[in-house]
Amino acid sequence: MLHRSHRNEIVANAAVFDAGWVPADFRSRDAELNTMATALEPILDGEPASGLFLHGPSGTGKTSSSQYLLEKLDEHAGHLETATVNCWSNHSRYRVLRRIVEAVDGPRARTRDHAAAALQERLADLETPTVVVLDEADQLDEPDVLYTLYELPALHVVATANTKADVLLGLDERIQSRLRTFHDVHFAPYTAAELDVILQQRVDHGLQPDVIEAAQVRQIARAANGNARDAIAALDGAAQQAVEDGAERIRDTHVETAIETASRAVRSETLDRLNDHQHAIYEIVAATEPASPGAIYERYADRMADPRSRRTVRKYLRKLEQYDLLVASGHAQAREYRLGPDAPRPS
């Protein structure tokens, strides 16, 4: 067992390496945050505001930026409510509505409204402006809940996703046209210099002084290919390696090992978050790769008691590809899927 005293020689605050930690002095995505703030600014004057679609690859700061914005709104707007819905774990219409009601009404909401219609009525009665972040909105089973929220006068929606198209997929044109009024904010992969700044904040807040060299931090930033999630996981991994080795500082070997394993660790965490249908698709690809979309769907439909449509399965395949769990080659009828290079094999 590791001695707590030795752990504290390297790590000052382990919470800094959690995915949900957002520094008070958030130094990345200034342009994107300014665009988001401008779009929501009318709320502060009691006026309607445009919804927001934050889209871009995984690990580009969409979730952190939206949470930072909510924190600032909470600080500076006394007549405002905020709510965040993680659509990985709240992917049905009912769960989305219930999560928002719980955010505005508090724990007592848990023993009250039990039907989606009743929850929607409660939200329709809201008078206080409420900014709702739907994180990973492309995980929604019923994406038309976006339109439901859009129609509620007190709610202002911020949706994050890898691509906007996957959120709108399958919605009728009338709903799509309304949701296209949302303001688009694109999050591109970070540069190595931007990741260096992000990592240095974790070093300053999460590690003891002088336990890692600036050059080692830059090495981690360069290796992450623009993905902050991978970079932070590698920094955390290097610190854990140092603790396990009983070292007084983070060595180059710790950094090198952490870089090699960080991507696999992040992919494993992502795999744990998949819903049952996505898990089934992933396992089918692992067992039959390379696998065509048609062959995947046939096996999937045989396996699941309540299979989703072919369109939804194609959406799931894109999502798994966006998270580097799968890689695709070829086009149209010749398209095939394999596990990504750092994707874990199902046990």
Protein backbone atom coordinates (compact mmCIF):
# COMPACT_ATOMS: atom_id res chain seq x y z
CA MET A 1 0.00 0.00 0.00
CA LEU A 2 1.23 3.52 -0.79
CA HIS A 3 1.96 5.75 2.17
CA ARG A 4 -0.17 8.88 2.07
CA SER A 5 2.82 11.01 3.14
CA HIS A 6 4.83 9.90 0.11
CA ARG A 7 1.89 10.41 -2.24
CA ASN A 8 1.67 13.97 -0.96
CA GLU A 9 5.31 14.55 -1.97
CA ILE A 10 4.19 14.37 -5.61
CA VAL A 11 0.43 15.04 -5.72
CA ALA A 12 -1.01 18.06 -3.95
CA ASN A 13 -4.62 17.78 -5.15
CA ALA A 14 -5.75 14.69 -7.07
CA ALA A 15 -9.12 16.28 -7.93
CA VAL A 16 -7.33 18.56 -10.39
CA PHE A 17 -6.91 15.58 -12.73
CA ASP A 18 -10.62 14.71 -12.77
CA ALA A 19 -12.42 15.32 -16.06
CA GLY A 20 -14.87 17.73 -14.42
CA TRP A 21 -12.28 20.04 -12.84
CA VAL A 22 -12.32 23.53 -14.33
CA PRO A 23 -9.72 26.05 -13.10
CA ALA A 24 -10.98 29.38 -11.80
CA ASP A 25 -8.42 31.05 -14.09
CA PHE A 26 -9.57 29.20 -17.22
CA ARG A 27 -7.02 30.20 -19.86
CA SER A 28 -8.13 28.39 -22.98
CA ARG A 29 -10.83 28.96 -25.57
CA ASP A 30 -11.10 32.74 -25.10
CA ALA A 31 -12.55 33.30 -28.58
CA GLU A 32 -15.10 30.52 -28.18
CA LEU A 33 -16.11 31.73 -24.70
CA ASN A 34 -16.55 35.28 -25.98
CA THR A 35 -18.85 34.00 -28.74
CA MET A 36 -20.84 31.96 -26.23
CA ALA A 37 -21.12 34.86 -23.78
CA THR A 38 -22.28 37.23 -26.53
CA ALA A 39 -24.98 34.78 -27.64
CA LEU A 40 -26.33 34.42 -24.08
CA GLU A 41 -25.88 38.05 -23.01
CA PRO A 42 -29.49 39.07 -23.83
CA ILE A 43 -30.66 36.80 -20.99
CA LEU A 44 -29.11 39.20 -18.50
CA ASP A 45 -31.42 41.94 -19.81
CA GLY A 46 -34.49 39.74 -19.75
CA GLU A 47 -34.45 39.22 -23.52
CA PRO A 48 -34.56 35.95 -25.50
CA ALA A 49 -31.19 34.52 -26.49
CA SER A 50 -29.98 32.19 -29.22
CA GLY A 51 -29.31 28.57 -28.36
CA LEU A 52 -25.77 27.28 -28.79
CA PHE A 53 -24.30 24.24 -30.51
CA LEU A 54 -20.73 23.53 -29.36
CA HIS A 55 -19.19 20.96 -31.69
CA GLY A 56 -15.78 19.51 -32.36
CA PRO A 57 -13.62 16.44 -31.69
CA SER A 58 -13.31 14.79 -28.31
CA GLY A 59 -10.94 16.48 -25.87
CA THR A 60 -11.23 19.99 -27.32
CA GLY A 61 -12.75 21.75 -24.31
CA LYS A 62 -16.48 21.81 -25.10
CA THR A 63 -17.55 20.49 -21.70
CA SER A 64 -15.02 22.54 -19.74
CA SER A 65 -15.97 25.73 -21.60
CA SER A 66 -19.68 25.22 -21.02
CA GLN A 67 -19.13 24.54 -17.31
CA TYR A 68 -16.90 27.59 -16.96
CA LEU A 69 -19.56 29.73 -18.63
CA LEU A 70 -22.25 28.41 -16.26
CA GLU A 71 -20.05 29.19 -13.27
CA LYS A 72 -19.57 32.77 -14.48
CA LEU A 73 -23.30 33.16 -15.12
CA ASP A 74 -24.02 31.92 -11.58
CA GLU A 75 -21.54 34.47 -10.21
CA HIS A 76 -22.79 37.50 -12.11
CA ALA A 77 -26.50 36.90 -12.69
CA GLY A 78 -28.54 36.59 -9.52
CA HIS A 79 -31.83 36.01 -11.37
CA LEU A 80 -30.63 33.02 -13.37
CA GLU A 81 -30.76 29.24 -12.94
CA THR A 82 -28.41 26.74 -14.59
CA ALA A 83 -28.56 22.99 -15.20
CA THR A 84 -26.23 20.45 -16.78
CA VAL A 85 -27.47 17.16 -18.24
CA ASN A 86 -24.94 14.44 -19.05
CA CYS A 87 -26.62 12.76 -22.01
CA TRP A 88 -24.45 9.64 -21.69
CA SER A 89 -26.32 8.74 -18.51
CA ASN A 90 -29.51 10.76 -19.17
CA HIS A 91 -30.30 9.83 -22.77
CA SER A 92 -34.10 9.52 -22.71
CA ARG A 93 -36.61 12.38 -22.88
CA TYR A 94 -37.81 11.56 -19.36
CA ARG A 95 -34.31 11.55 -17.86
CA VAL A 96 -33.41 14.85 -19.52
CA LEU A 97 -36.55 16.58 -18.28
CA ARG A 98 -36.22 15.10 -14.80
CA ARG A 99 -32.59 16.15 -14.49
CA ILE A 100 -33.49 19.76 -15.35
CA VAL A 101 -36.39 19.79 -12.88
CA GLU A 102 -34.10 18.41 -10.17
CA ALA A 103 -31.56 21.15 -10.92
CA VAL A 104 -34.08 23.97 -10.54
CA ASP A 105 -36.28 22.48 -7.79
CA GLY A 106 -33.68 20.63 -5.75
CA PRO A 107 -33.81 17.13 -4.22
CA ARG A 108 -37.53 17.39 -3.42
CA ALA A 109 -38.20 16.96 -7.14
CA ARG A 110 -37.17 13.31 -6.82
CA THR A 111 -40.38 12.36 -5.06
CA ARG A 112 -42.68 14.49 -7.16
CA ASP A 113 -43.50 14.50 -10.89
CA HIS A 114 -43.18 10.96 -12.28
CA ALA A 115 -44.25 11.38 -15.92
CA ALA A 116 -42.50 13.20 -18.75
CA ALA A 117 -45.63 15.28 -19.42
CA ALA A 118 -45.75 16.45 -15.79
CA LEU A 119 -42.05 17.33 -15.87
CA GLN A 120 -42.56 19.30 -19.07
CA GLU A 121 -45.48 21.18 -17.48
CA ARG A 122 -43.27 22.08 -14.52
CA LEU A 123 -40.61 23.49 -16.85
CA ALA A 124 -43.25 25.40 -18.82
CA ASP A 125 -44.22 27.14 -15.58
CA LEU A 126 -40.69 28.40 -14.93
CA GLU A 127 -40.36 32.16 -14.79
CA THR A 128 -36.66 32.40 -13.96
CA PRO A 129 -34.38 32.24 -17.03
CA THR A 130 -32.57 28.89 -17.01
CA VAL A 131 -29.50 27.95 -19.08
CA VAL A 132 -29.42 24.21 -19.76
CA VAL A 133 -26.28 22.46 -20.99
CA LEU A 134 -26.95 19.16 -22.77
CA ASP A 135 -23.50 17.61 -22.72
CA GLU A 136 -22.90 14.94 -25.40
CA ALA A 137 -26.29 15.68 -26.97
CA ASP A 138 -25.56 13.23 -29.79
CA GLN A 139 -26.12 10.47 -27.21
CA LEU A 140 -29.82 11.33 -26.92
CA ASP A 141 -32.22 8.52 -27.81
CA GLU A 142 -34.90 11.12 -28.56
CA PRO A 143 -33.12 14.21 -29.91
CA ASP A 144 -36.44 15.95 -30.51
CA VAL A 145 -36.33 16.76 -26.78
CA LEU A 146 -34.09 19.61 -27.96
CA TYR A 147 -37.10 21.09 -29.72
CA THR A 148 -39.23 20.58 -26.61
CA LEU A 149 -36.72 22.57 -24.57
CA TYR A 150 -36.38 25.17 -27.33
CA GLU A 151 -40.14 25.80 -27.15
CA LEU A 152 -40.12 26.41 -23.37
CA PRO A 153 -39.81 30.18 -22.92
CA ALA A 154 -37.62 30.22 -19.80
CA LEU A 155 -35.06 27.71 -21.09
CA HIS A 156 -31.93 28.53 -23.10
CA VAL A 157 -30.13 25.48 -24.47
CA VAL A 158 -26.40 24.88 -24.93
CA ALA A 159 -25.80 21.53 -26.66
CA THR A 160 -22.36 19.92 -27.02
CA ALA A 161 -21.57 17.17 -29.52
CA ASN A 162 -18.84 15.90 -31.80
CA THR A 163 -20.90 16.91 -34.83
CA LYS A 164 -24.11 18.90 -35.12
CA ALA A 165 -25.33 16.63 -37.92
CA ASP A 166 -25.48 13.60 -35.61
CA VAL A 167 -27.72 15.50 -33.18
CA LEU A 168 -30.14 16.52 -35.93
CA LEU A 169 -30.12 13.11 -37.62
CA GLY A 170 -33.61 11.68 -38.00
CA LEU A 171 -35.49 14.81 -36.93
CA ASP A 172 -38.11 16.12 -39.32
CA GLU A 173 -37.26 19.18 -41.39
CA ARG A 174 -39.50 21.51 -39.37
CA ILE A 175 -37.62 20.73 -36.16
CA GLN A 176 -34.25 20.84 -37.90
CA SER A 177 -34.98 24.29 -39.30
CA ARG A 178 -35.76 25.63 -35.81
CA LEU A 179 -32.65 24.10 -34.29
CA ARG A 180 -30.49 25.51 -37.08
CA THR A 181 -31.11 28.92 -35.51
CA PHE A 182 -28.75 27.84 -32.72
CA HIS A 183 -25.43 29.65 -32.86
CA ASP A 184 -22.59 27.34 -33.96
CA VAL A 185 -19.31 27.38 -32.03
CA HIS A 186 -16.63 25.07 -33.43
CA PHE A 187 -13.90 23.67 -31.16
CA ALA A 188 -10.81 22.69 -33.14
CA PRO A 189 -8.07 20.42 -31.72
CA TYR A 190 -5.72 22.26 -29.39
CA THR A 191 -2.25 23.27 -30.48
CA ALA A 192 0.68 21.88 -28.50
CA ALA A 193 1.24 25.36 -27.04
CA GLU A 194 -2.38 25.54 -25.85
CA LEU A 195 -2.12 22.09 -24.27
CA ASP A 196 1.07 23.19 -22.54
CA VAL A 197 -0.88 26.01 -20.87
CA ILE A 198 -3.69 23.64 -19.87
CA LEU A 199 -1.23 21.14 -18.39
CA GLN A 200 0.70 23.83 -16.57
CA GLN A 201 -2.50 24.79 -14.75
CA ARG A 202 -2.81 21.19 -13.58
CA VAL A 203 0.83 21.24 -12.51
CA ASP A 204 0.31 24.47 -10.55
CA HIS A 205 -2.88 23.31 -8.82
CA GLY A 206 -2.42 19.54 -8.63
CA LEU A 207 1.27 18.77 -8.08
CA GLN A 208 3.78 19.76 -5.46
CA PRO A 209 6.31 22.43 -6.50
CA ASP A 210 9.33 21.38 -8.57
CA VAL A 211 8.35 17.74 -9.13
CA ILE A 212 8.16 17.98 -12.94
CA GLU A 213 10.26 19.82 -15.52
CA ALA A 214 8.75 22.28 -18.01
CA ALA A 215 10.31 20.23 -20.82
CA GLN A 216 8.47 17.13 -19.60
CA VAL A 217 5.16 19.01 -19.63
CA ARG A 218 5.86 20.16 -23.20
CA GLN A 219 6.65 16.57 -24.19
CA ILE A 220 3.25 15.43 -22.92
CA ALA A 221 1.53 18.31 -24.72
CA ARG A 222 3.20 17.47 -28.04
CA ALA A 223 2.31 13.78 -27.77
CA ALA A 224 -1.42 14.35 -27.18
CA ASN A 225 -2.30 15.30 -30.78
CA GLY A 226 -4.54 18.17 -29.75
CA ASN A 227 -6.59 16.14 -27.25
CA ALA A 228 -6.68 17.68 -23.77
CA ARG A 229 -8.26 14.58 -22.26
CA ASP A 230 -5.33 12.43 -23.36
CA ALA A 231 -2.81 15.06 -22.25
CA ILE A 232 -4.29 15.38 -18.75
CA ALA A 233 -4.48 11.59 -18.41
CA ALA A 234 -0.78 11.34 -19.34
CA LEU A 235 0.22 13.98 -16.79
CA ASP A 236 -1.81 12.23 -14.12
CA GLY A 237 -0.31 8.89 -15.15
CA ALA A 238 3.24 10.24 -14.90
CA ALA A 239 2.53 11.49 -11.38
CA GLN A 240 1.08 8.11 -10.38
CA GLN A 241 4.12 6.32 -11.81
CA ALA A 242 6.38 8.51 -9.67
CA VAL A 243 4.32 7.77 -6.56
CA GLU A 244 4.37 4.02 -7.22
CA ASP A 245 8.14 4.08 -7.74
CA GLY A 246 8.71 6.03 -4.53
CA ALA A 247 10.43 8.77 -6.54
CA GLU A 248 10.88 12.32 -5.31
CA ARG A 249 10.33 13.73 -8.79
CA ILE A 250 8.66 12.71 -12.03
CA ARG A 251 11.32 11.11 -14.22
CA ASP A 252 11.53 10.95 -18.01
CA THR A 253 10.70 7.23 -17.87
CA HIS A 254 7.50 8.03 -15.98
CA VAL A 255 6.50 10.51 -18.68
CA GLU A 256 7.29 8.10 -21.51
CA THR A 257 5.31 5.26 -19.93
CA ALA A 258 2.37 7.55 -19.17
CA ILE A 259 2.25 8.83 -22.76
CA GLU A 260 2.14 5.25 -24.03
CA THR A 261 -0.69 4.21 -21.71
CA ALA A 262 -2.81 7.39 -21.41
CA SER A 263 -4.69 6.97 -24.66
CA ARG A 264 -5.59 3.37 -23.78
CA ALA A 265 -6.79 4.50 -20.35
CA VAL A 266 -9.04 7.20 -21.84
CA ARG A 267 -10.44 4.76 -24.43
CA SER A 268 -11.17 2.27 -21.63
CA GLU A 269 -13.05 4.93 -19.64
CA THR A 270 -15.06 5.84 -22.74
CA LEU A 271 -15.91 2.18 -23.33
CA ASP A 272 -17.33 1.95 -19.81
CA ARG A 273 -19.76 4.78 -20.62
CA LEU A 274 -21.32 3.22 -23.71
CA ASN A 275 -24.96 2.17 -23.64
CA ASP A 276 -25.93 -1.47 -24.16
CA HIS A 277 -26.52 -1.03 -27.89
CA GLN A 278 -23.16 0.65 -28.44
CA HIS A 279 -21.44 -2.05 -26.38
CA ALA A 280 -23.04 -4.73 -28.56
CA ILE A 281 -21.85 -3.02 -31.74
CA TYR A 282 -18.33 -2.65 -30.34
CA GLU A 283 -18.16 -6.32 -29.36
CA ILE A 284 -19.45 -7.40 -32.78
CA VAL A 285 -16.72 -5.40 -34.53
CA ALA A 286 -14.09 -6.85 -32.17
CA ALA A 287 -15.25 -10.39 -32.95
CA THR A 288 -15.59 -10.02 -36.72
CA GLU A 289 -13.23 -7.23 -37.84
CA PRO A 290 -12.99 -6.01 -40.48
CA ALA A 291 -16.77 -5.69 -40.49
CA SER A 292 -19.08 -3.91 -42.91
CA PRO A 293 -22.02 -1.82 -41.64
CA GLY A 294 -24.47 -4.32 -43.15
CA ALA A 295 -22.86 -7.32 -41.46
CA ILE A 296 -22.62 -5.42 -38.18
CA TYR A 297 -26.31 -4.56 -38.28
CA GLU A 298 -27.40 -8.12 -39.05
CA ARG A 299 -25.48 -9.51 -36.08
CA TYR A 300 -26.64 -6.63 -33.87
CA ALA A 301 -30.32 -7.12 -34.79
CA ASP A 302 -30.03 -10.85 -34.02
CA ARG A 303 -28.40 -10.14 -30.68
CA MET A 304 -30.62 -7.38 -29.26
CA ALA A 305 -34.24 -7.81 -28.19
CA ASP A 306 -35.02 -4.18 -29.06
CA PRO A 307 -32.65 -3.27 -31.92
CA ARG A 308 -32.41 0.34 -33.04
CA SER A 309 -32.83 1.41 -36.67
CA ARG A 310 -30.05 1.11 -39.25
CA ARG A 311 -29.76 4.89 -39.22
CA THR A 312 -29.20 4.92 -35.46
CA VAL A 313 -26.60 2.15 -35.72
CA ARG A 314 -24.74 4.15 -38.37
CA LYS A 315 -24.80 7.08 -35.94
CA TYR A 316 -23.40 4.85 -33.18
CA LEU A 317 -20.61 3.66 -35.49
CA ARG A 318 -19.65 7.27 -36.21
CA LYS A 319 -19.68 8.03 -32.49
CA LEU A 320 -17.40 5.08 -31.73
CA GLU A 321 -15.10 6.26 -34.50
CA GLN A 322 -15.06 9.82 -33.14
CA TYR A 323 -13.95 8.47 -29.77
CA ASP A 324 -11.16 6.43 -31.40
CA LEU A 325 -12.71 3.17 -30.30
CA LEU A 326 -13.19 2.19 -33.94
CA VAL A 327 -11.42 3.10 -37.17
CA ALA A 328 -13.09 3.01 -40.58
CA SER A 329 -11.68 2.45 -44.04
CA GLY A 330 -13.27 2.55 -47.48
CA HIS A 331 -16.42 4.34 -48.58
CA ALA A 332 -20.10 3.52 -49.08
CA GLN A 333 -20.59 -0.22 -49.72
CA ALA A 334 -16.87 -0.92 -49.23
CA ARG A 335 -16.70 0.69 -45.78
CA GLU A 336 -15.28 -1.50 -43.01
CA TYR A 337 -14.71 -1.05 -39.27
CA ARG A 338 -11.95 -2.29 -36.98
CA LEU A 339 -11.01 -1.60 -33.37
CA GLY A 340 -8.84 1.49 -32.92
CA PRO A 341 -5.14 0.97 -32.12
CA ASP A 342 -5.59 1.94 -28.45
CA ALA A 343 -9.07 0.45 -28.02
CA PRO A 344 -9.29 -2.32 -25.40
CA ARG A 345 -10.34 -5.80 -26.45
CA PRO A 346 -13.60 -6.98 -24.86
CA SER A 347 -12.90 -9.50 -22.12
